[in-house]
Amino acid sequence: NSMDYMTALIDQMVVLDCPSLIGPVYSAVGRADAVEPKEYQRQWKTVVKHLKKLGKYAEKKGRQICLEPLNRFETDFINTCDQALQMLEDVGSPALKLHLDTFHMNIEEKDQPKAIRKAGHHLAHFHACGSDRGTPGKDHIDWPGIAKALKAVKYDGDVVIESFTLDVKVIAKAAAIWRQIEPTREEIATKGLKFLKRTLA
């Protein structure tokens, strides 16, 4: 049961003193099929119902849930900041926040800095990923614009570099990782960190 699993995760967060549960908590990663509008609305209502319950539980435990929009190739459900904000509004829980990721926004948002500004105080977790899921700064993403937007909304949460390898097959398949993106994993971490410190300072 997915609800039992999610509540168990929140319980474990308390044990680990982990403040935030992040990611696409509304659907399995890799599920991307066109559905009729009526079916989409049915699914939406189901997710709202369950996130209301999870939100209450997370609030009771002093935790937050950060909902992440994914690109169209990884989910058919929530792809944009606007859709995620609508979900937050429909659920109406102070424990439900927004998690944005530059890799997904690069595909789905027409203007990444504008999406960040729109997210505003709802933004509680941020993935700074290269446009190819490689090292931030070695790509075509508008990093100066993103830095300005994060400062404009007074974002002071974590900025995380997310990348993937071929080692974990299930995740590699879901995220469509078929090749080694950078020469080493260490390069993504060390060069990416230097770039982000310089850019977001």
Protein backbone atom coordinates (compact mmCIF):
# COMPACT_ATOMS: atom_id res chain seq x y z
CA ASN A 1 0.00 0.00 0.00
CA SER A 2 1.53 3.29 -1.12
CA MET A 3 -0.02 5.32 1.72
CA ASP A 4 1.41 2.96 4.33
CA TYR A 5 4.79 3.24 2.63
CA MET A 6 4.68 7.05 2.59
CA THR A 7 3.64 7.34 6.23
CA ALA A 8 6.42 4.90 7.14
CA LEU A 9 8.87 7.16 5.29
CA ILE A 10 7.67 10.14 7.29
CA ASP A 11 8.11 8.15 10.51
CA GLN A 12 11.65 7.30 9.46
CA MET A 13 12.31 10.98 8.69
CA VAL A 14 11.58 11.75 12.34
CA VAL A 15 14.08 9.09 13.45
CA LEU A 16 16.75 10.50 11.11
CA ASP A 17 15.84 14.14 11.84
CA CYS A 18 15.24 14.63 8.11
CA PRO A 19 13.08 17.72 7.46
CA SER A 20 11.93 17.08 3.89
CA LEU A 21 10.58 14.27 1.74
CA ILE A 22 11.32 15.26 -1.85
CA GLY A 23 10.46 14.11 -5.36
CA PRO A 24 7.49 13.07 -7.51
CA VAL A 25 5.38 11.83 -4.60
CA TYR A 26 2.27 11.77 -6.81
CA SER A 27 3.22 8.95 -9.22
CA ALA A 28 5.73 6.28 -10.15
CA VAL A 29 8.69 7.63 -12.16
CA GLY A 30 8.59 6.47 -15.76
CA ARG A 31 4.82 6.28 -16.04
CA ALA A 32 4.12 8.46 -19.05
CA ASP A 33 1.02 7.59 -21.08
CA ALA A 34 -1.50 9.87 -22.72
CA VAL A 35 -4.83 9.67 -20.90
CA GLU A 36 -8.20 11.23 -21.63
CA PRO A 37 -8.95 14.50 -19.78
CA LYS A 38 -11.70 12.83 -17.76
CA GLU A 39 -9.30 10.10 -16.59
CA TYR A 40 -6.64 12.70 -15.79
CA GLN A 41 -9.11 14.59 -13.60
CA ARG A 42 -10.02 11.36 -11.82
CA GLN A 43 -6.34 10.68 -11.14
CA TRP A 44 -5.85 14.28 -10.00
CA LYS A 45 -8.67 14.01 -7.46
CA THR A 46 -7.22 10.74 -6.16
CA VAL A 47 -3.79 12.31 -5.65
CA VAL A 48 -5.33 15.36 -3.94
CA LYS A 49 -7.24 13.10 -1.55
CA HIS A 50 -4.13 11.13 -0.60
CA LEU A 51 -1.85 14.16 -0.35
CA LYS A 52 -4.33 15.82 2.00
CA LYS A 53 -3.95 12.83 4.34
CA LEU A 54 -0.18 12.72 3.94
CA GLY A 55 0.06 16.47 4.44
CA LYS A 56 -1.80 16.25 7.75
CA TYR A 57 0.44 13.41 8.87
CA ALA A 58 3.62 15.24 7.84
CA GLU A 59 2.45 18.41 9.61
CA LYS A 60 1.71 16.43 12.77
CA LYS A 61 5.25 14.99 12.64
CA GLY A 62 6.87 18.35 11.89
CA ARG A 63 8.02 17.33 8.40
CA GLN A 64 7.41 18.72 4.92
CA ILE A 65 6.74 17.08 1.56
CA CYS A 66 8.33 18.77 -1.46
CA LEU A 67 6.53 17.91 -4.69
CA GLU A 68 8.70 17.80 -7.82
CA PRO A 69 7.41 18.31 -11.38
CA LEU A 70 9.14 15.94 -13.81
CA ASN A 71 9.60 16.21 -17.56
CA ARG A 72 7.07 14.68 -19.96
CA PHE A 73 9.27 11.64 -20.64
CA GLU A 74 9.26 10.61 -16.97
CA THR A 75 5.67 11.39 -15.99
CA ASP A 76 2.38 12.29 -17.62
CA PHE A 77 1.00 13.89 -14.46
CA ILE A 78 2.81 17.02 -13.23
CA ASN A 79 5.36 18.57 -15.59
CA THR A 80 5.35 22.30 -14.83
CA CYS A 81 5.59 24.69 -11.92
CA ASP A 82 2.03 25.87 -12.66
CA GLN A 83 0.65 22.33 -12.38
CA ALA A 84 2.54 21.76 -9.14
CA LEU A 85 1.27 25.03 -7.67
CA GLN A 86 -2.27 24.01 -8.60
CA MET A 87 -1.76 20.74 -6.72
CA LEU A 88 -0.49 22.64 -3.68
CA GLU A 89 -3.56 24.88 -3.83
CA ASP A 90 -5.98 21.97 -4.17
CA VAL A 91 -4.38 20.05 -1.29
CA GLY A 92 -4.14 23.12 0.93
CA SER A 93 -1.59 21.72 3.37
CA PRO A 94 1.14 23.91 4.91
CA ALA A 95 3.34 20.79 4.92
CA LEU A 96 3.22 20.48 1.12
CA LYS A 97 5.90 22.52 -0.65
CA LEU A 98 7.49 22.76 -4.09
CA HIS A 99 10.70 21.18 -5.38
CA LEU A 100 12.08 22.47 -8.68
CA ASP A 101 14.79 20.89 -10.83
CA THR A 102 16.68 22.71 -13.59
CA PHE A 103 16.91 19.57 -15.75
CA HIS A 104 13.14 19.14 -15.85
CA MET A 105 12.48 22.88 -16.12
CA ASN A 106 14.86 23.05 -19.10
CA ILE A 107 12.44 20.78 -20.95
CA GLU A 108 9.08 21.98 -19.65
CA GLU A 109 9.35 25.68 -18.72
CA LYS A 110 9.55 28.43 -21.30
CA ASP A 111 11.32 30.65 -18.74
CA GLN A 112 13.06 28.98 -15.79
CA PRO A 113 13.71 32.14 -13.74
CA LYS A 114 10.06 33.14 -14.18
CA ALA A 115 8.94 29.72 -12.90
CA ILE A 116 11.16 30.12 -9.82
CA ARG A 117 9.69 33.55 -9.14
CA LYS A 118 6.20 32.13 -9.54
CA ALA A 119 7.02 29.37 -7.05
CA GLY A 120 8.05 32.05 -4.56
CA HIS A 121 7.73 31.10 -0.89
CA HIS A 122 6.43 27.64 -1.83
CA LEU A 123 9.90 26.63 -3.06
CA ALA A 124 11.53 24.43 -0.40
CA HIS A 125 14.03 22.28 -2.33
CA PHE A 126 16.08 22.91 -5.47
CA HIS A 127 18.00 20.63 -7.82
CA ALA A 128 20.76 22.39 -9.78
CA CYS A 129 21.43 19.98 -12.64
CA GLY A 130 23.13 20.37 -15.98
CA SER A 131 20.88 20.38 -19.03
CA ASP A 132 22.18 16.86 -19.78
CA ARG A 133 22.10 15.84 -16.09
CA GLY A 134 25.82 16.41 -15.98
CA THR A 135 27.93 19.10 -14.33
CA PRO A 136 26.14 22.42 -13.73
CA GLY A 137 27.85 25.18 -15.70
CA LYS A 138 28.98 22.94 -18.57
CA ASP A 139 25.64 23.37 -20.32
CA HIS A 140 23.24 25.92 -21.81
CA ILE A 141 21.05 26.65 -18.76
CA ASP A 142 20.59 30.32 -17.80
CA TRP A 143 22.44 30.08 -14.50
CA PRO A 144 22.78 33.86 -13.93
CA GLY A 145 19.01 34.22 -14.42
CA ILE A 146 18.33 31.32 -12.06
CA ALA A 147 20.65 32.81 -9.43
CA LYS A 148 18.81 36.16 -9.62
CA ALA A 149 15.43 34.43 -9.35
CA LEU A 150 16.48 32.40 -6.29
CA LYS A 151 17.69 35.59 -4.62
CA ALA A 152 14.49 37.40 -5.60
CA VAL A 153 12.32 34.82 -3.80
CA LYS A 154 14.79 34.78 -0.86
CA TYR A 155 15.38 31.05 -1.26
CA ASP A 156 17.61 29.79 1.54
CA GLY A 157 17.05 26.04 1.28
CA ASP A 158 19.30 23.30 -0.05
CA VAL A 159 20.71 23.45 -3.57
CA VAL A 160 21.49 19.89 -4.64
CA ILE A 161 23.33 18.55 -7.69
CA GLU A 162 21.39 15.52 -8.91
CA SER A 163 22.94 13.21 -11.46
CA PHE A 164 22.70 9.51 -12.22
CA THR A 165 24.96 6.63 -13.20
CA LEU A 166 24.32 3.33 -14.92
CA ASP A 167 25.01 1.46 -11.66
CA VAL A 168 21.45 1.40 -10.30
CA LYS A 169 19.56 -0.15 -13.21
CA VAL A 170 16.01 0.61 -12.07
CA ILE A 171 16.68 4.33 -11.62
CA ALA A 172 18.85 4.52 -14.75
CA LYS A 173 16.00 3.08 -16.81
CA ALA A 174 13.36 5.37 -15.28
CA ALA A 175 15.57 8.43 -15.84
CA ALA A 176 16.64 7.28 -19.34
CA ILE A 177 20.35 7.17 -18.51
CA TRP A 178 21.96 5.09 -21.25
CA ARG A 179 25.52 6.45 -21.23
CA GLN A 180 28.14 7.88 -18.90
CA ILE A 181 27.47 11.62 -18.79
CA GLU A 182 30.79 12.85 -17.36
CA PRO A 183 34.24 11.18 -17.14
CA THR A 184 33.82 10.65 -13.38
CA ARG A 185 31.15 11.13 -10.72
CA GLU A 186 33.67 13.12 -8.71
CA GLU A 187 33.92 15.69 -11.50
CA ILE A 188 30.20 16.40 -11.30
CA ALA A 189 30.46 16.96 -7.56
CA THR A 190 33.69 18.97 -7.36
CA LYS A 191 33.40 21.13 -10.48
CA GLY A 192 29.65 21.52 -10.02
CA LEU A 193 30.08 22.66 -6.42
CA LYS A 194 32.73 25.22 -7.37
CA PHE A 195 30.51 26.59 -10.13
CA LEU A 196 27.41 26.83 -7.94
CA LYS A 197 29.27 28.49 -5.07
CA ARG A 198 30.59 31.09 -7.50
CA THR A 199 27.27 31.60 -9.30
CA LEU A 200 24.85 31.56 -6.38
CA ALA A 201 27.02 33.50 -3.93
